[in-house]
């Protein structure tokens, strides 16, 4: 067998031994479907946490405003009394 034919046979054997089969592609496709579902579940959880964090942030702003109102009123009263 000449050198070119031997190289060709080696290359073809390598391709045959390492090429993905229909079964391999099906397995990868199924794995990807599972991964997509996992990502969707994680995104849903993250969205829920983001909503909760936004609610907490707004509550903190509202409560801060409510706490500052009496302080402002007391400061105004103190100014009046000192006058």
N, C-alpha and C. Protein backbone atom coordinates (compact mmCIF):
# COMPACT_ATOMS: atom_id res chain seq x y z
N UNK A 1 0.86 -1.17 0.00
CA UNK A 1 0.00 0.00 0.00
C UNK A 1 0.90 1.23 0.00
N UNK A 2 0.61 2.14 -0.88
CA UNK A 2 1.47 3.32 -0.91
C UNK A 2 1.10 4.28 0.23
N UNK A 3 1.94 5.25 0.41
CA UNK A 3 1.84 6.19 1.55
C UNK A 3 0.53 6.97 1.53
N UNK A 4 0.10 7.45 0.37
CA UNK A 4 -1.14 8.22 0.27
C UNK A 4 -2.36 7.38 0.64
N UNK A 5 -2.38 6.16 0.18
CA UNK A 5 -3.51 5.28 0.48
C UNK A 5 -3.55 4.96 1.98
N UNK A 6 -2.38 4.75 2.58
CA UNK A 6 -2.29 4.45 4.00
C UNK A 6 -2.79 5.66 4.81
N UNK A 7 -2.37 6.86 4.42
CA UNK A 7 -2.83 8.07 5.10
C UNK A 7 -4.35 8.23 4.97
N UNK A 8 -4.86 7.94 3.79
CA UNK A 8 -6.30 8.04 3.56
C UNK A 8 -7.06 7.06 4.43
N UNK A 9 -6.58 5.84 4.53
CA UNK A 9 -7.23 4.82 5.36
C UNK A 9 -7.19 5.23 6.83
N UNK A 10 -6.06 5.73 7.29
CA UNK A 10 -5.94 6.20 8.67
C UNK A 10 -6.92 7.33 8.95
N UNK A 11 -7.00 8.27 8.02
CA UNK A 11 -7.92 9.39 8.19
C UNK A 11 -9.37 8.92 8.24
N UNK A 12 -9.74 8.03 7.34
CA UNK A 12 -11.10 7.50 7.33
C UNK A 12 -11.41 6.72 8.60
N UNK A 13 -10.48 5.95 9.09
CA UNK A 13 -10.69 5.21 10.35
C UNK A 13 -10.85 6.17 11.52
N UNK A 14 -10.05 7.22 11.54
CA UNK A 14 -10.17 8.21 12.60
C UNK A 14 -11.56 8.85 12.58
N UNK A 15 -12.00 9.25 11.38
CA UNK A 15 -13.32 9.87 11.24
C UNK A 15 -14.41 8.90 11.68
N UNK A 16 -14.29 7.65 11.23
CA UNK A 16 -15.29 6.63 11.57
C UNK A 16 -15.36 6.41 13.08
N UNK A 17 -14.22 6.37 13.75
CA UNK A 17 -14.17 6.10 15.18
C UNK A 17 -14.60 7.30 16.03
N UNK A 18 -14.45 8.50 15.50
CA UNK A 18 -14.72 9.69 16.32
C UNK A 18 -15.94 10.49 15.90
N UNK A 19 -16.58 10.11 14.84
CA UNK A 19 -17.72 10.85 14.33
C UNK A 19 -18.93 10.61 15.23
N UNK A 20 -19.71 11.67 15.44
CA UNK A 20 -20.92 11.55 16.24
C UNK A 20 -21.96 10.73 15.48
N UNK A 21 -22.67 9.90 16.23
CA UNK A 21 -23.73 9.10 15.63
C UNK A 21 -25.07 9.80 15.86
N UNK A 22 -26.11 9.28 15.22
CA UNK A 22 -27.45 9.83 15.44
C UNK A 22 -27.81 9.74 16.92
N UNK A 23 -27.42 8.66 17.53
CA UNK A 23 -27.70 8.46 18.95
C UNK A 23 -26.99 9.53 19.80
N UNK A 24 -25.73 9.82 19.46
CA UNK A 24 -24.99 10.86 20.18
C UNK A 24 -25.69 12.21 20.05
N UNK A 25 -26.14 12.51 18.85
CA UNK A 25 -26.80 13.79 18.62
C UNK A 25 -28.13 13.85 19.37
N UNK A 26 -28.85 12.74 19.40
CA UNK A 26 -30.10 12.67 20.15
C UNK A 26 -29.84 12.89 21.63
N UNK A 27 -28.80 12.26 22.15
CA UNK A 27 -28.45 12.43 23.57
C UNK A 27 -28.11 13.89 23.89
N UNK A 28 -27.34 14.50 23.03
CA UNK A 28 -26.97 15.90 23.24
C UNK A 28 -28.20 16.80 23.18
N UNK A 29 -29.09 16.51 22.24
CA UNK A 29 -30.32 17.30 22.11
C UNK A 29 -31.17 17.17 23.37
N UNK A 30 -31.29 15.95 23.89
CA UNK A 30 -32.05 15.74 25.12
C UNK A 30 -31.40 16.45 26.30
N UNK A 31 -30.08 16.39 26.38
CA UNK A 31 -29.36 17.09 27.44
C UNK A 31 -29.61 18.59 27.36
N UNK A 32 -29.58 19.12 26.15
CA UNK A 32 -29.79 20.56 25.97
C UNK A 32 -31.21 20.96 26.38
N UNK A 33 -32.18 20.09 26.09
CA UNK A 33 -33.56 20.37 26.49
C UNK A 33 -33.65 20.44 28.02
N UNK A 34 -32.98 19.52 28.68
CA UNK A 34 -32.95 19.54 30.15
C UNK A 34 -32.27 20.79 30.68
N UNK A 35 -31.19 21.18 30.05
CA UNK A 35 -30.46 22.39 30.48
C UNK A 35 -31.32 23.63 30.27
N UNK A 36 -32.03 23.68 29.13
CA UNK A 36 -32.92 24.82 28.87
C UNK A 36 -33.99 24.92 29.95
N UNK A 37 -34.52 23.78 30.38
CA UNK A 37 -35.54 23.79 31.43
C UNK A 37 -34.93 24.26 32.75
N UNK A 38 -33.73 23.80 33.05
CA UNK A 38 -33.05 24.23 34.27
C UNK A 38 -32.83 25.74 34.26
N UNK A 39 -32.39 26.27 33.14
CA UNK A 39 -32.17 27.71 33.02
C UNK A 39 -33.48 28.46 33.18
N UNK A 40 -34.57 27.95 32.60
CA UNK A 40 -35.88 28.59 32.73
C UNK A 40 -36.32 28.60 34.19
N UNK A 41 -36.10 27.49 34.90
CA UNK A 41 -36.46 27.43 36.32
C UNK A 41 -35.65 28.42 37.14
N UNK A 42 -34.37 28.50 36.86
CA UNK A 42 -33.50 29.43 37.58
C UNK A 42 -33.91 30.87 37.29
N UNK A 43 -34.24 31.16 36.05
CA UNK A 43 -34.68 32.51 35.67
C UNK A 43 -35.96 32.87 36.40
N UNK A 44 -36.88 31.92 36.49
CA UNK A 44 -38.14 32.18 37.21
C UNK A 44 -37.87 32.49 38.68
N UNK A 45 -37.00 31.71 39.30
CA UNK A 45 -36.64 31.96 40.70
C UNK A 45 -35.97 33.31 40.86
N UNK A 46 -35.08 33.64 39.95
CA UNK A 46 -34.40 34.93 39.99
C UNK A 46 -35.39 36.08 39.83
N UNK A 47 -36.36 35.92 38.94
CA UNK A 47 -37.39 36.95 38.76
C UNK A 47 -38.19 37.13 40.04
N UNK A 48 -38.53 36.03 40.71
CA UNK A 48 -39.26 36.12 41.97
C UNK A 48 -38.44 36.86 43.02
N UNK A 49 -37.16 36.54 43.10
CA UNK A 49 -36.30 37.21 44.08
C UNK A 49 -36.14 38.69 43.75
N UNK A 50 -36.07 39.00 42.47
CA UNK A 50 -35.95 40.40 42.05
C UNK A 50 -37.20 41.16 42.44
N UNK A 51 -38.37 40.56 42.22
CA UNK A 51 -39.63 41.21 42.62
C UNK A 51 -39.65 41.43 44.13
N UNK A 52 -39.25 40.41 44.88
CA UNK A 52 -39.22 40.55 46.35
C UNK A 52 -38.27 41.65 46.78
N UNK A 53 -37.12 41.69 46.16
CA UNK A 53 -36.13 42.72 46.50
C UNK A 53 -36.67 44.11 46.17
N UNK A 54 -37.36 44.25 45.05
CA UNK A 54 -37.95 45.54 44.70
C UNK A 54 -39.01 45.96 45.71
N UNK A 55 -39.81 45.00 46.17
CA UNK A 55 -40.83 45.30 47.18
C UNK A 55 -40.16 45.74 48.48
N UNK A 56 -39.14 45.02 48.89
CA UNK A 56 -38.43 45.38 50.13
C UNK A 56 -37.80 46.77 50.00
N UNK A 57 -37.21 47.06 48.86
CA UNK A 57 -36.58 48.36 48.63
C UNK A 57 -37.62 49.48 48.73
N UNK A 58 -38.76 49.28 48.11
CA UNK A 58 -39.83 50.29 48.18
C UNK A 58 -40.34 50.45 49.60
N UNK A 59 -40.49 49.34 50.33
CA UNK A 59 -40.93 49.42 51.73
C UNK A 59 -39.93 50.20 52.56
N UNK A 60 -38.64 49.97 52.32
CA UNK A 60 -37.63 50.70 53.07
C UNK A 60 -37.71 52.20 52.79
N UNK A 61 -37.91 52.56 51.53
CA UNK A 61 -38.04 53.98 51.18
C UNK A 61 -39.25 54.60 51.86
N UNK A 62 -40.37 53.87 51.82
CA UNK A 62 -41.60 54.37 52.44
C UNK A 62 -41.42 54.52 53.95
N UNK A 63 -40.83 53.51 54.58
CA UNK A 63 -40.63 53.57 56.03
C UNK A 63 -39.64 54.66 56.41
N UNK A 64 -38.63 54.87 55.58
CA UNK A 64 -37.68 55.94 55.86
C UNK A 64 -38.38 57.28 55.81
N UNK A 65 -39.24 57.47 54.81
CA UNK A 65 -40.00 58.71 54.73
C UNK A 65 -40.91 58.88 55.94
N UNK A 66 -41.54 57.79 56.38
CA UNK A 66 -42.41 57.86 57.55
C UNK A 66 -41.62 58.18 58.81
N UNK A 67 -40.39 57.65 58.93
CA UNK A 67 -39.56 57.94 60.11
C UNK A 67 -39.06 59.36 60.09
N UNK A 68 -38.79 59.87 58.90
CA UNK A 68 -38.27 61.23 58.81
C UNK A 68 -39.35 62.27 59.09
N UNK A 69 -40.59 61.98 58.81
CA UNK A 69 -41.68 62.94 59.02
C UNK A 69 -41.76 63.39 60.48
N UNK A 70 -41.77 62.48 61.46
CA UNK A 70 -41.80 62.96 62.86
C UNK A 70 -40.54 63.76 63.22
N UNK A 71 -39.40 63.37 62.68
CA UNK A 71 -38.17 64.11 62.98
C UNK A 71 -38.28 65.54 62.47
N UNK A 72 -38.83 65.68 61.29
CA UNK A 72 -39.00 67.02 60.73
C UNK A 72 -39.98 67.81 61.57
N UNK A 73 -41.06 67.17 61.99
CA UNK A 73 -42.06 67.86 62.82
C UNK A 73 -41.46 68.28 64.15
N UNK A 74 -40.67 67.40 64.76
CA UNK A 74 -40.02 67.73 66.04
C UNK A 74 -39.05 68.88 65.85
N UNK A 75 -38.29 68.84 64.79
CA UNK A 75 -37.34 69.92 64.51
C UNK A 75 -38.08 71.24 64.34
N UNK A 76 -39.17 71.23 63.63
CA UNK A 76 -39.96 72.46 63.45
C UNK A 76 -40.53 72.95 64.78
N UNK A 77 -41.00 72.03 65.60
CA UNK A 77 -41.52 72.41 66.92
C UNK A 77 -40.40 72.99 67.79
N UNK A 78 -39.22 72.37 67.73
CA UNK A 78 -38.10 72.87 68.51
C UNK A 78 -37.73 74.30 68.06
N UNK A 79 -37.76 74.54 66.80
CA UNK A 79 -37.46 75.87 66.28
C UNK A 79 -38.47 76.89 66.80
N UNK A 80 -39.74 76.53 66.82
CA UNK A 80 -40.78 77.42 67.29
C UNK A 80 -40.63 77.72 68.78
N UNK A 81 -40.33 76.71 69.55
CA UNK A 81 -40.19 76.87 70.99
C UNK A 81 -38.99 77.76 71.31
N UNK A 82 -37.94 77.63 70.58
CA UNK A 82 -36.73 78.41 70.85
C UNK A 82 -36.89 79.86 70.43
N UNK A 83 -37.83 80.13 69.57
CA UNK A 83 -37.98 81.51 69.08
C UNK A 83 -38.52 82.40 70.15
